[in-house]
Amino acid sequence: MRVVLGFIKASHPLPTIAVSLVISAFGWSLGWTGLSLLAVFTTIFVGQLSVGWSNDAFDSSLDTRIGRTTKPTVAQDVSARALWVAALAALLIAIASSWVIAGWLGGSFHIFAILMAWLYNIRLSRTAWSWLPYALAFGAMPAFLSFGLNDEPPTLWSVAVFAIIGVSAHLANALPDAEFDTAAGVGGVVVALGNRRSVILCWLLLALGSGILVLVSYATSAWLALIIFVAFVLTVIVGSRSHYRTAMFYSLIAMVAIDVAALVIVTAIN
């Protein structure tokens, strides 16, 4: 049981499930249903397992050196070697499944996204380019689902919004660990920019993504466009007026979630 729990913790379960649900929901809005939609979720989930496991396996030496006892490799619940084996197995399954459910073209976009996540894990996560794999990986998702469904290219606005959401989520998620990463001597775009500029950049990206969604949704639902706009204004007010850093963090995460929900709704009604 301890080993099983170690694998679960090392998979980064919350982000893994969240990403799988978000992309599957977008797939549903495009027209994926039934067993095909379940196959999409499973493929994305397995791919995300490979990402989470490879992340903890690669970081095991650093985590041990700085004493991150919450990590399963440091707590010796599971070894880095076992994580590498599981990550590679999950990667191969995700690659095969991507081509089976979405064809060579659509499936290749998902495989590209997984490989970008691996690139982040083993090379770019501690550099000022840590945002790039997120932009490329999330930006590839509409093509994976659109080409896989009906061999048609995705809308440009959906690609842009997905890429923006990916980078925004990365910035918001990295903010709480910025001081820890700085003390540990490791990098990342938030460490390179500093907290204040990272927060500003995150809000600017969310403003851009929300603005695109407002423009696209306005043609079919002025009420939805208004809701997106008001939600953005309220989260900015709540986040900027609070004296607590956690309030800013949760405001950013809330706006990311709102944009994700709006993206699914806008796609479904268009």
Protein backbone atom coordinates (compact mmCIF):
# COMPACT_ATOMS: atom_id res chain seq x y z
CA MET A 1 0.00 0.00 0.00
CA ARG A 2 2.87 2.38 0.78
CA VAL A 3 4.31 1.86 -2.70
CA VAL A 4 0.91 2.38 -4.32
CA LEU A 5 0.43 5.62 -2.42
CA GLY A 6 3.93 6.65 -3.45
CA PHE A 7 3.06 6.20 -7.11
CA ILE A 8 -0.18 8.13 -6.63
CA LYS A 9 1.59 11.06 -4.94
CA ALA A 10 4.37 11.08 -7.55
CA SER A 11 1.80 11.29 -10.35
CA HIS A 12 0.79 14.79 -9.14
CA PRO A 13 -2.84 13.56 -8.92
CA LEU A 14 -4.70 16.88 -8.79
CA PRO A 15 -3.05 18.47 -11.88
CA THR A 16 -3.19 15.11 -13.67
CA ILE A 17 -6.93 14.72 -13.12
CA ALA A 18 -7.62 18.43 -13.75
CA VAL A 19 -5.80 18.49 -17.10
CA SER A 20 -7.48 15.24 -18.18
CA LEU A 21 -10.95 16.56 -17.30
CA VAL A 22 -10.40 19.98 -18.90
CA ILE A 23 -9.19 18.60 -22.22
CA SER A 24 -11.89 15.91 -22.23
CA ALA A 25 -14.54 18.55 -21.57
CA PHE A 26 -13.24 20.54 -24.51
CA GLY A 27 -13.35 17.36 -26.59
CA TRP A 28 -16.99 16.88 -25.59
CA SER A 29 -17.76 20.45 -26.69
CA LEU A 30 -16.30 19.63 -30.11
CA GLY A 31 -18.40 16.48 -30.50
CA TRP A 32 -16.51 13.60 -28.87
CA THR A 33 -19.01 11.36 -27.07
CA GLY A 34 -19.46 7.93 -25.51
CA LEU A 35 -16.62 5.45 -25.64
CA SER A 36 -14.58 7.75 -27.88
CA LEU A 37 -14.68 10.48 -25.23
CA LEU A 38 -13.75 7.94 -22.54
CA ALA A 39 -10.81 6.88 -24.71
CA VAL A 40 -9.73 10.52 -24.99
CA PHE A 41 -9.83 10.92 -21.20
CA THR A 42 -7.92 7.68 -20.64
CA THR A 43 -5.24 8.59 -23.18
CA ILE A 44 -4.73 12.03 -21.70
CA PHE A 45 -4.72 10.61 -18.17
CA VAL A 46 -2.05 8.01 -18.99
CA GLY A 47 0.04 10.66 -20.74
CA GLN A 48 -0.22 12.89 -17.66
CA LEU A 49 0.82 9.98 -15.44
CA SER A 50 4.00 9.69 -17.49
CA VAL A 51 4.60 13.41 -17.04
CA GLY A 52 4.07 13.35 -13.27
CA TRP A 53 6.18 10.26 -12.68
CA SER A 54 9.04 11.48 -14.86
CA ASN A 55 8.96 14.83 -13.03
CA ASP A 56 9.43 13.28 -9.59
CA ALA A 57 11.97 10.76 -10.92
CA PHE A 58 14.11 13.47 -12.48
CA ASP A 59 13.86 15.76 -9.43
CA SER A 60 14.58 13.00 -6.90
CA SER A 61 18.23 13.99 -6.38
CA LEU A 62 17.37 17.67 -5.90
CA ASP A 63 14.44 16.84 -3.62
CA THR A 64 16.71 14.65 -1.48
CA ARG A 65 19.43 17.30 -1.33
CA ILE A 66 17.09 20.03 -0.11
CA GLY A 67 15.04 17.75 2.15
CA ARG A 68 11.61 17.82 0.54
CA THR A 69 10.24 15.05 2.74
CA THR A 70 6.76 15.33 1.24
CA LYS A 71 8.11 13.83 -1.97
CA PRO A 72 7.63 10.03 -2.16
CA THR A 73 11.17 9.46 -3.42
CA VAL A 74 12.61 11.32 -0.43
CA ALA A 75 10.27 9.50 1.97
CA GLN A 76 11.42 6.27 0.28
CA ASP A 77 7.88 5.24 -0.56
CA VAL A 78 8.98 4.57 -4.13
CA SER A 79 12.35 4.69 -5.89
CA ALA A 80 13.32 6.99 -8.74
CA ARG A 81 14.15 3.92 -10.82
CA ALA A 82 10.63 2.52 -10.38
CA LEU A 83 9.17 5.89 -11.36
CA TRP A 84 11.29 6.01 -14.51
CA VAL A 85 10.11 2.52 -15.53
CA ALA A 86 6.47 3.44 -14.90
CA ALA A 87 6.84 6.80 -16.69
CA LEU A 88 8.34 5.20 -19.80
CA ALA A 89 5.67 2.48 -19.85
CA ALA A 90 2.90 5.09 -19.54
CA LEU A 91 4.55 7.18 -22.28
CA LEU A 92 4.57 4.25 -24.72
CA ILE A 93 0.93 3.40 -23.93
CA ALA A 94 -0.11 7.04 -24.40
CA ILE A 95 1.72 7.26 -27.74
CA ALA A 96 0.03 4.12 -29.10
CA SER A 97 -3.38 5.15 -27.76
CA SER A 98 -3.08 8.66 -29.23
CA TRP A 99 -2.65 7.28 -32.74
CA VAL A 100 -5.42 4.71 -32.29
CA ILE A 101 -8.11 7.16 -31.16
CA ALA A 102 -7.13 10.26 -33.16
CA GLY A 103 -5.28 8.97 -36.21
CA TRP A 104 -1.73 9.73 -37.24
CA LEU A 105 -2.21 13.48 -37.55
CA GLY A 106 -4.41 14.17 -34.53
CA GLY A 107 -2.58 11.67 -32.36
CA SER A 108 0.78 13.19 -33.23
CA PHE A 109 -0.32 16.52 -31.74
CA HIS A 110 -1.04 14.83 -28.41
CA ILE A 111 2.27 13.00 -28.54
CA PHE A 112 3.98 16.33 -29.23
CA ALA A 113 2.26 17.80 -26.16
CA ILE A 114 3.45 14.95 -23.93
CA LEU A 115 7.01 15.29 -25.24
CA MET A 116 6.91 19.03 -24.51
CA ALA A 117 5.93 18.20 -20.93
CA TRP A 118 8.86 15.78 -20.71
CA LEU A 119 11.13 18.49 -22.11
CA TYR A 120 9.93 20.75 -19.32
CA ASN A 121 10.69 18.08 -16.73
CA ILE A 122 14.20 17.18 -17.84
CA ARG A 123 15.52 20.45 -19.26
CA LEU A 124 13.46 23.66 -19.05
CA SER A 125 11.67 23.59 -15.69
CA ARG A 126 14.54 25.37 -13.92
CA THR A 127 15.13 27.97 -16.65
CA ALA A 128 13.51 31.20 -17.78
CA TRP A 129 12.02 29.18 -20.67
CA SER A 130 9.85 27.08 -18.34
CA TRP A 131 6.72 28.71 -19.84
CA LEU A 132 7.43 27.55 -23.40
CA PRO A 133 6.52 23.83 -23.06
CA TYR A 134 3.22 24.86 -21.45
CA ALA A 135 2.37 27.16 -24.35
CA LEU A 136 3.25 24.54 -26.95
CA ALA A 137 1.68 21.57 -25.15
CA PHE A 138 -1.64 23.25 -24.35
CA GLY A 139 -1.69 24.97 -27.73
CA ALA A 140 -1.52 21.55 -29.42
CA MET A 141 -4.64 20.23 -27.67
CA PRO A 142 -7.27 21.74 -30.02
CA ALA A 143 -5.46 20.22 -33.03
CA PHE A 144 -5.33 16.81 -31.33
CA LEU A 145 -9.07 16.84 -30.71
CA SER A 146 -10.19 18.56 -33.91
CA PHE A 147 -8.08 16.55 -36.36
CA GLY A 148 -8.84 13.40 -34.38
CA LEU A 149 -12.59 13.97 -34.56
CA ASN A 150 -13.20 15.00 -38.16
CA ASP A 151 -9.82 15.72 -39.83
CA GLU A 152 -10.50 19.47 -39.67
CA PRO A 153 -8.05 22.07 -38.33
CA PRO A 154 -8.87 23.77 -35.02
CA THR A 155 -9.99 27.37 -34.75
CA LEU A 156 -7.09 29.76 -34.25
CA TRP A 157 -8.77 31.40 -31.28
CA SER A 158 -9.04 28.07 -29.43
CA VAL A 159 -5.33 27.39 -30.00
CA ALA A 160 -4.46 30.86 -28.70
CA VAL A 161 -6.71 30.57 -25.63
CA PHE A 162 -5.38 27.11 -24.75
CA ALA A 163 -1.78 28.33 -25.01
CA ILE A 164 -2.57 31.39 -22.88
CA ILE A 165 -4.36 29.30 -20.26
CA GLY A 166 -1.42 26.89 -20.14
CA VAL A 167 1.15 29.63 -19.49
CA SER A 168 -1.16 31.42 -17.02
CA ALA A 169 -1.71 28.21 -15.06
CA HIS A 170 2.06 27.62 -14.99
CA LEU A 171 2.74 31.10 -13.63
CA ALA A 172 -0.01 30.90 -11.01
CA ASN A 173 1.06 27.42 -9.92
CA ALA A 174 4.73 28.41 -9.64
CA LEU A 175 4.14 31.54 -7.56
CA PRO A 176 3.70 29.79 -4.16
CA ASP A 177 7.04 27.95 -4.62
CA ALA A 178 9.04 30.96 -5.84
CA GLU A 179 10.74 31.70 -2.52
CA PHE A 180 11.51 28.02 -1.97
CA ASP A 181 12.98 27.68 -5.49
CA THR A 182 15.08 30.82 -5.00
CA ALA A 183 16.45 29.55 -1.69
CA ALA A 184 17.21 26.18 -3.27
CA GLY A 185 19.14 27.87 -6.08
CA VAL A 186 16.88 26.65 -8.86
CA GLY A 187 15.33 28.75 -11.61
CA GLY A 188 12.12 29.07 -13.57
CA VAL A 189 10.34 31.95 -15.23
CA VAL A 190 8.76 33.15 -11.98
CA VAL A 191 12.15 33.18 -10.24
CA ALA A 192 13.63 35.03 -13.21
CA LEU A 193 10.87 37.66 -13.30
CA GLY A 194 10.18 37.95 -9.60
CA ASN A 195 6.80 37.62 -7.91
CA ARG A 196 5.43 41.06 -8.74
CA ARG A 197 6.18 40.95 -12.46
CA SER A 198 5.02 37.33 -12.65
CA VAL A 199 1.66 38.28 -11.13
CA ILE A 200 1.29 41.20 -13.54
CA LEU A 201 2.18 38.98 -16.51
CA CYS A 202 -0.29 36.35 -15.38
CA TRP A 203 -3.11 38.91 -15.15
CA LEU A 204 -2.21 40.35 -18.56
CA LEU A 205 -2.32 36.89 -20.13
CA LEU A 206 -5.64 36.13 -18.47
CA ALA A 207 -6.96 39.49 -19.68
CA LEU A 208 -5.92 38.57 -23.22
CA GLY A 209 -7.45 35.09 -23.02
CA SER A 210 -10.64 36.40 -21.45
CA GLY A 211 -10.82 39.15 -24.08
CA ILE A 212 -10.62 36.62 -26.88
CA LEU A 213 -13.40 34.57 -25.27
CA VAL A 214 -15.56 37.69 -24.84
CA LEU A 215 -15.18 38.59 -28.52
CA VAL A 216 -15.88 35.06 -29.75
CA SER A 217 -18.86 34.48 -27.43
CA TYR A 218 -20.47 37.88 -28.05
CA ALA A 219 -21.64 36.84 -31.52
CA THR A 220 -23.84 34.08 -30.08
CA SER A 221 -24.40 35.08 -26.46
CA ALA A 222 -24.00 38.61 -25.18
CA TRP A 223 -24.84 37.35 -21.68
CA LEU A 224 -21.94 34.87 -21.68
CA ALA A 225 -19.60 37.60 -22.90
CA LEU A 226 -20.79 39.85 -20.07
CA ILE A 227 -20.35 37.07 -17.49
CA ILE A 228 -16.75 36.45 -18.59
CA PHE A 229 -15.96 40.16 -18.45
CA VAL A 230 -17.55 40.66 -15.01
CA ALA A 231 -15.82 37.55 -13.64
CA PHE A 232 -12.45 38.87 -14.74
CA VAL A 233 -13.06 42.29 -13.18
CA LEU A 234 -14.20 40.74 -9.89
CA THR A 235 -11.23 38.38 -9.61
CA VAL A 236 -8.83 41.26 -10.29
CA ILE A 237 -10.49 43.35 -7.58
CA VAL A 238 -10.47 40.52 -5.03
CA GLY A 239 -6.91 39.52 -5.80
CA SER A 240 -5.40 43.00 -5.89
CA ARG A 241 -7.14 44.43 -2.82
CA SER A 242 -6.34 41.56 -0.48
CA HIS A 243 -3.31 41.85 1.79
CA TYR A 244 -2.78 38.09 1.68
CA ARG A 245 -0.65 36.48 -1.02
CA THR A 246 -2.84 33.37 -0.95
CA ALA A 247 -5.84 35.46 -2.00
CA MET A 248 -3.97 36.62 -5.11
CA PHE A 249 -2.98 33.04 -5.89
CA TYR A 250 -6.53 31.72 -5.54
CA SER A 251 -7.89 34.64 -7.59
CA LEU A 252 -5.50 33.77 -10.41
CA ILE A 253 -6.41 30.08 -10.23
CA ALA A 254 -10.12 30.98 -10.14
CA MET A 255 -9.80 33.06 -13.30
CA VAL A 256 -7.94 30.25 -15.05
CA ALA A 257 -10.82 27.91 -14.13
CA ILE A 258 -13.40 30.45 -15.34
CA ASP A 259 -11.63 30.82 -18.68
CA VAL A 260 -11.49 27.04 -19.05
CA ALA A 261 -15.24 26.75 -18.39
CA ALA A 262 -15.96 29.62 -20.78
CA LEU A 263 -13.79 28.01 -23.45
CA VAL A 264 -15.83 24.80 -23.25
CA ILE A 265 -19.17 26.67 -23.29
CA VAL A 266 -18.17 28.97 -26.17
CA THR A 267 -17.02 25.98 -28.23
CA ALA A 268 -20.21 24.04 -27.49
CA ILE A 269 -22.57 26.87 -28.53
CA ASN A 270 -20.66 27.88 -31.69
